[in-house]
Amino acid sequence: MTALEQWKELAKIENLRHQLVAQPTQAIVGRNYGGKVDLMAVAFDAVKTRDAWTIRDLAKKMHIKDDAAQQLLRGLVKEKHLVSRVLHGEAVYEWS
């Protein structure tokens, strides 16, 4: 892949990211992603807005079930983007 092709690919990805931030509902229904949504990427963009998250916070923000939010947060912990700890009997996910 040439440098120009790499630059075009990076520009395309950045454009999709900006569309996701500007129009999250349309991106989630698949308009910008060809019918497929990477929920991990959506969750990553959501958690960037705060220092700490609970499962219920992310579920409410993304309009998903608690189980799905927990799975996404655990995935981000596994990828070492977040760390988790227990605070007052509830899991709290924070930036590492």
N, C-alpha and C. Protein backbone atom coordinates (compact mmCIF):
# COMPACT_ATOMS: atom_id res chain seq x y z
N MET A 1 0.84 -1.17 0.00
CA MET A 1 0.00 0.00 0.00
C MET A 1 0.90 1.24 0.00
N THR A 2 0.61 2.13 -0.92
CA THR A 2 1.42 3.35 -1.02
C THR A 2 1.04 4.33 0.08
N ALA A 3 1.87 5.34 0.24
CA ALA A 3 1.61 6.35 1.26
C ALA A 3 0.30 7.09 0.98
N LEU A 4 0.01 7.34 -0.28
CA LEU A 4 -1.23 8.04 -0.63
C LEU A 4 -2.44 7.17 -0.28
N GLU A 5 -2.37 5.88 -0.58
CA GLU A 5 -3.47 4.97 -0.24
C GLU A 5 -3.66 4.89 1.27
N GLN A 6 -2.57 4.85 2.03
CA GLN A 6 -2.66 4.82 3.48
C GLN A 6 -3.31 6.10 4.00
N TRP A 7 -2.90 7.24 3.45
CA TRP A 7 -3.47 8.50 3.86
C TRP A 7 -4.97 8.55 3.58
N LYS A 8 -5.38 8.06 2.39
CA LYS A 8 -6.81 8.04 2.04
C LYS A 8 -7.59 7.14 2.99
N GLU A 9 -7.02 6.00 3.35
CA GLU A 9 -7.69 5.08 4.27
C GLU A 9 -7.83 5.70 5.65
N LEU A 10 -6.79 6.35 6.13
CA LEU A 10 -6.86 7.04 7.43
C LEU A 10 -7.89 8.17 7.40
N ALA A 11 -7.95 8.90 6.30
CA ALA A 11 -8.92 9.98 6.18
C ALA A 11 -10.35 9.42 6.18
N LYS A 12 -10.54 8.29 5.51
CA LYS A 12 -11.86 7.65 5.47
C LYS A 12 -12.28 7.21 6.88
N ILE A 13 -11.37 6.61 7.62
CA ILE A 13 -11.66 6.17 8.99
C ILE A 13 -11.97 7.36 9.88
N GLU A 14 -11.20 8.41 9.77
CA GLU A 14 -11.44 9.61 10.58
C GLU A 14 -12.78 10.24 10.23
N ASN A 15 -13.13 10.24 8.96
CA ASN A 15 -14.43 10.77 8.54
C ASN A 15 -15.56 9.95 9.15
N LEU A 16 -15.45 8.64 9.14
CA LEU A 16 -16.47 7.78 9.75
C LEU A 16 -16.57 8.03 11.25
N ARG A 17 -15.43 8.25 11.90
CA ARG A 17 -15.45 8.53 13.34
C ARG A 17 -16.18 9.84 13.62
N HIS A 18 -15.92 10.87 12.81
CA HIS A 18 -16.60 12.14 12.99
C HIS A 18 -18.11 12.00 12.75
N GLN A 19 -18.49 11.19 11.76
CA GLN A 19 -19.91 10.96 11.52
C GLN A 19 -20.55 10.26 12.72
N LEU A 20 -19.83 9.33 13.31
CA LEU A 20 -20.34 8.62 14.47
C LEU A 20 -20.57 9.58 15.63
N VAL A 21 -19.63 10.49 15.84
CA VAL A 21 -19.77 11.46 16.92
C VAL A 21 -20.90 12.43 16.62
N ALA A 22 -21.01 12.88 15.38
CA ALA A 22 -22.02 13.87 15.01
C ALA A 22 -23.42 13.28 14.92
N GLN A 23 -23.51 12.04 14.44
CA GLN A 23 -24.81 11.41 14.21
C GLN A 23 -24.80 9.99 14.73
N PRO A 24 -24.71 9.79 16.05
CA PRO A 24 -24.57 8.43 16.57
C PRO A 24 -25.75 7.52 16.24
N THR A 25 -26.95 8.06 16.24
CA THR A 25 -28.12 7.21 15.99
C THR A 25 -28.07 6.66 14.57
N GLN A 26 -27.76 7.50 13.61
CA GLN A 26 -27.70 7.04 12.22
C GLN A 26 -26.56 6.07 12.01
N ALA A 27 -25.45 6.29 12.70
CA ALA A 27 -24.32 5.36 12.57
C ALA A 27 -24.67 4.01 13.16
N ILE A 28 -25.37 4.01 14.29
CA ILE A 28 -25.70 2.76 14.95
C ILE A 28 -26.67 1.93 14.13
N VAL A 29 -27.62 2.57 13.44
CA VAL A 29 -28.54 1.80 12.61
C VAL A 29 -27.89 1.32 11.33
N GLY A 30 -26.66 1.71 11.09
CA GLY A 30 -25.91 1.13 9.99
C GLY A 30 -25.72 1.99 8.78
N ARG A 31 -26.21 3.21 8.78
CA ARG A 31 -26.09 4.05 7.59
C ARG A 31 -24.64 4.28 7.21
N ASN A 32 -23.78 4.49 8.18
CA ASN A 32 -22.39 4.82 7.87
C ASN A 32 -21.47 3.61 7.91
N TYR A 33 -21.96 2.48 8.30
CA TYR A 33 -21.11 1.31 8.45
C TYR A 33 -21.57 0.12 7.62
N GLY A 34 -22.36 0.37 6.61
CA GLY A 34 -22.79 -0.71 5.74
C GLY A 34 -23.59 -1.79 6.47
N GLY A 35 -24.36 -1.41 7.45
CA GLY A 35 -25.21 -2.36 8.16
C GLY A 35 -24.53 -3.07 9.31
N LYS A 36 -23.25 -2.87 9.50
CA LYS A 36 -22.54 -3.53 10.59
C LYS A 36 -21.99 -2.46 11.52
N VAL A 37 -22.12 -2.70 12.82
CA VAL A 37 -21.67 -1.74 13.80
C VAL A 37 -20.68 -2.42 14.73
N ASP A 38 -19.56 -1.80 14.95
CA ASP A 38 -18.60 -2.29 15.92
C ASP A 38 -18.94 -1.63 17.25
N LEU A 39 -19.71 -2.34 18.07
CA LEU A 39 -20.15 -1.77 19.34
C LEU A 39 -18.98 -1.43 20.25
N MET A 40 -17.88 -2.14 20.12
CA MET A 40 -16.72 -1.83 20.94
C MET A 40 -16.20 -0.43 20.60
N ALA A 41 -16.20 -0.07 19.32
CA ALA A 41 -15.77 1.27 18.92
C ALA A 41 -16.74 2.33 19.43
N VAL A 42 -18.04 2.03 19.37
CA VAL A 42 -19.04 2.96 19.87
C VAL A 42 -18.86 3.14 21.38
N ALA A 43 -18.64 2.02 22.09
CA ALA A 43 -18.44 2.09 23.54
C ALA A 43 -17.16 2.88 23.86
N PHE A 44 -16.11 2.66 23.10
CA PHE A 44 -14.85 3.38 23.33
C PHE A 44 -15.07 4.89 23.17
N ASP A 45 -15.80 5.29 22.13
CA ASP A 45 -16.09 6.71 21.95
C ASP A 45 -16.94 7.25 23.09
N ALA A 46 -17.85 6.43 23.59
CA ALA A 46 -18.70 6.88 24.70
C ALA A 46 -17.91 7.05 25.99
N VAL A 47 -17.03 6.10 26.30
CA VAL A 47 -16.32 6.17 27.57
C VAL A 47 -15.24 7.25 27.59
N LYS A 48 -14.87 7.76 26.43
CA LYS A 48 -13.88 8.84 26.39
C LYS A 48 -14.41 10.13 27.01
N THR A 49 -15.72 10.23 27.17
CA THR A 49 -16.31 11.48 27.64
C THR A 49 -16.23 11.67 29.15
N ARG A 50 -15.91 10.60 29.91
CA ARG A 50 -15.83 10.72 31.37
C ARG A 50 -14.65 9.91 31.88
N ASP A 51 -14.26 10.20 33.13
CA ASP A 51 -13.14 9.50 33.74
C ASP A 51 -13.52 8.12 34.26
N ALA A 52 -14.76 7.93 34.72
CA ALA A 52 -15.18 6.66 35.30
C ALA A 52 -16.60 6.32 34.86
N TRP A 53 -16.84 5.01 34.72
CA TRP A 53 -18.14 4.53 34.27
C TRP A 53 -18.57 3.34 35.11
N THR A 54 -19.87 3.20 35.27
CA THR A 54 -20.44 1.97 35.80
C THR A 54 -21.17 1.29 34.65
N ILE A 55 -21.54 0.05 34.88
CA ILE A 55 -22.26 -0.70 33.84
C ILE A 55 -23.56 0.02 33.50
N ARG A 56 -24.27 0.44 34.52
CA ARG A 56 -25.56 1.11 34.32
C ARG A 56 -25.40 2.43 33.57
N ASP A 57 -24.31 3.16 33.86
CA ASP A 57 -24.06 4.43 33.16
C ASP A 57 -23.90 4.20 31.66
N LEU A 58 -23.08 3.21 31.30
CA LEU A 58 -22.85 2.95 29.87
C LEU A 58 -24.11 2.42 29.20
N ALA A 59 -24.84 1.57 29.90
CA ALA A 59 -26.09 1.03 29.34
C ALA A 59 -27.07 2.16 29.03
N LYS A 60 -27.16 3.12 29.94
CA LYS A 60 -28.06 4.26 29.74
C LYS A 60 -27.57 5.14 28.60
N LYS A 61 -26.26 5.40 28.55
CA LYS A 61 -25.68 6.26 27.52
C LYS A 61 -25.87 5.67 26.12
N MET A 62 -25.66 4.34 25.99
CA MET A 62 -25.71 3.69 24.68
C MET A 62 -27.08 3.10 24.37
N HIS A 63 -28.01 3.15 25.32
CA HIS A 63 -29.35 2.58 25.14
C HIS A 63 -29.26 1.08 24.84
N ILE A 64 -28.49 0.38 25.66
CA ILE A 64 -28.36 -1.07 25.53
C ILE A 64 -28.64 -1.70 26.89
N LYS A 65 -28.73 -3.02 26.91
CA LYS A 65 -28.98 -3.73 28.17
C LYS A 65 -27.72 -3.75 29.02
N ASP A 66 -27.92 -3.94 30.32
CA ASP A 66 -26.79 -3.97 31.26
C ASP A 66 -25.79 -5.07 30.92
N ASP A 67 -26.28 -6.23 30.50
CA ASP A 67 -25.39 -7.34 30.15
C ASP A 67 -24.46 -6.97 28.99
N ALA A 68 -25.02 -6.30 27.99
CA ALA A 68 -24.21 -5.89 26.84
C ALA A 68 -23.19 -4.84 27.26
N ALA A 69 -23.61 -3.90 28.11
CA ALA A 69 -22.68 -2.88 28.59
C ALA A 69 -21.55 -3.50 29.40
N GLN A 70 -21.88 -4.48 30.22
CA GLN A 70 -20.85 -5.16 31.02
C GLN A 70 -19.86 -5.87 30.11
N GLN A 71 -20.35 -6.52 29.08
CA GLN A 71 -19.47 -7.22 28.14
C GLN A 71 -18.55 -6.24 27.41
N LEU A 72 -19.09 -5.09 27.01
CA LEU A 72 -18.27 -4.09 26.32
C LEU A 72 -17.21 -3.52 27.25
N LEU A 73 -17.58 -3.21 28.49
CA LEU A 73 -16.62 -2.68 29.45
C LEU A 73 -15.53 -3.70 29.77
N ARG A 74 -15.92 -4.95 29.91
CA ARG A 74 -14.92 -6.00 30.15
C ARG A 74 -13.98 -6.14 28.96
N GLY A 75 -14.52 -5.99 27.75
CA GLY A 75 -13.68 -6.03 26.56
C GLY A 75 -12.66 -4.90 26.55
N LEU A 76 -13.09 -3.71 26.97
CA LEU A 76 -12.16 -2.58 27.03
C LEU A 76 -11.12 -2.78 28.12
N VAL A 77 -11.48 -3.47 29.20
CA VAL A 77 -10.50 -3.81 30.24
C VAL A 77 -9.50 -4.81 29.68
N LYS A 78 -10.01 -5.80 28.96
CA LYS A 78 -9.14 -6.84 28.39
C LYS A 78 -8.15 -6.23 27.39
N GLU A 79 -8.59 -5.22 26.65
CA GLU A 79 -7.70 -4.54 25.70
C GLU A 79 -6.83 -3.49 26.38
N LYS A 80 -6.94 -3.39 27.70
CA LYS A 80 -6.12 -2.51 28.53
C LYS A 80 -6.38 -1.02 28.31
N HIS A 81 -7.61 -0.67 27.88
CA HIS A 81 -8.00 0.73 27.79
C HIS A 81 -8.52 1.22 29.14
N LEU A 82 -9.19 0.33 29.86
CA LEU A 82 -9.78 0.65 31.15
C LEU A 82 -9.28 -0.30 32.21
N VAL A 83 -9.42 0.11 33.46
CA VAL A 83 -9.19 -0.78 34.60
C VAL A 83 -10.48 -0.79 35.41
N SER A 84 -10.72 -1.88 36.10
CA SER A 84 -11.93 -1.95 36.91
C SER A 84 -11.57 -2.14 38.37
N ARG A 85 -12.42 -1.61 39.22
CA ARG A 85 -12.29 -1.80 40.65
C ARG A 85 -13.69 -1.78 41.24
N VAL A 86 -13.81 -2.27 42.46
CA VAL A 86 -15.11 -2.29 43.13
C VAL A 86 -15.18 -1.09 44.07
N LEU A 87 -16.27 -0.34 43.98
CA LEU A 87 -16.49 0.81 44.83
C LEU A 87 -17.92 0.73 45.35
N HIS A 88 -18.06 0.58 46.65
CA HIS A 88 -19.38 0.47 47.29
C HIS A 88 -20.19 -0.69 46.70
N GLY A 89 -19.52 -1.79 46.44
CA GLY A 89 -20.20 -2.98 45.94
C GLY A 89 -20.55 -2.96 44.46
N GLU A 90 -20.08 -1.97 43.72
CA GLU A 90 -20.38 -1.88 42.31
C GLU A 90 -19.08 -1.72 41.53
N ALA A 91 -19.01 -2.37 40.37
CA ALA A 91 -17.81 -2.28 39.54
C ALA A 91 -17.74 -0.89 38.90
N VAL A 92 -16.58 -0.28 38.99
CA VAL A 92 -16.33 1.03 38.38
C VAL A 92 -15.17 0.84 37.40
N TYR A 93 -15.37 1.34 36.19
CA TYR A 93 -14.38 1.22 35.13
C TYR A 93 -13.76 2.58 34.88
N GLU A 94 -12.44 2.66 34.96
CA GLU A 94 -11.73 3.92 34.82
C GLU A 94 -10.62 3.78 33.79
N TRP A 95 -10.18 4.93 33.27
CA TRP A 95 -9.06 4.93 32.32
C TRP A 95 -7.80 4.44 33.02
N SER A 96 -7.04 3.64 32.32
CA SER A 96 -5.80 3.09 32.92
C SER A 96 -4.63 4.03 32.74
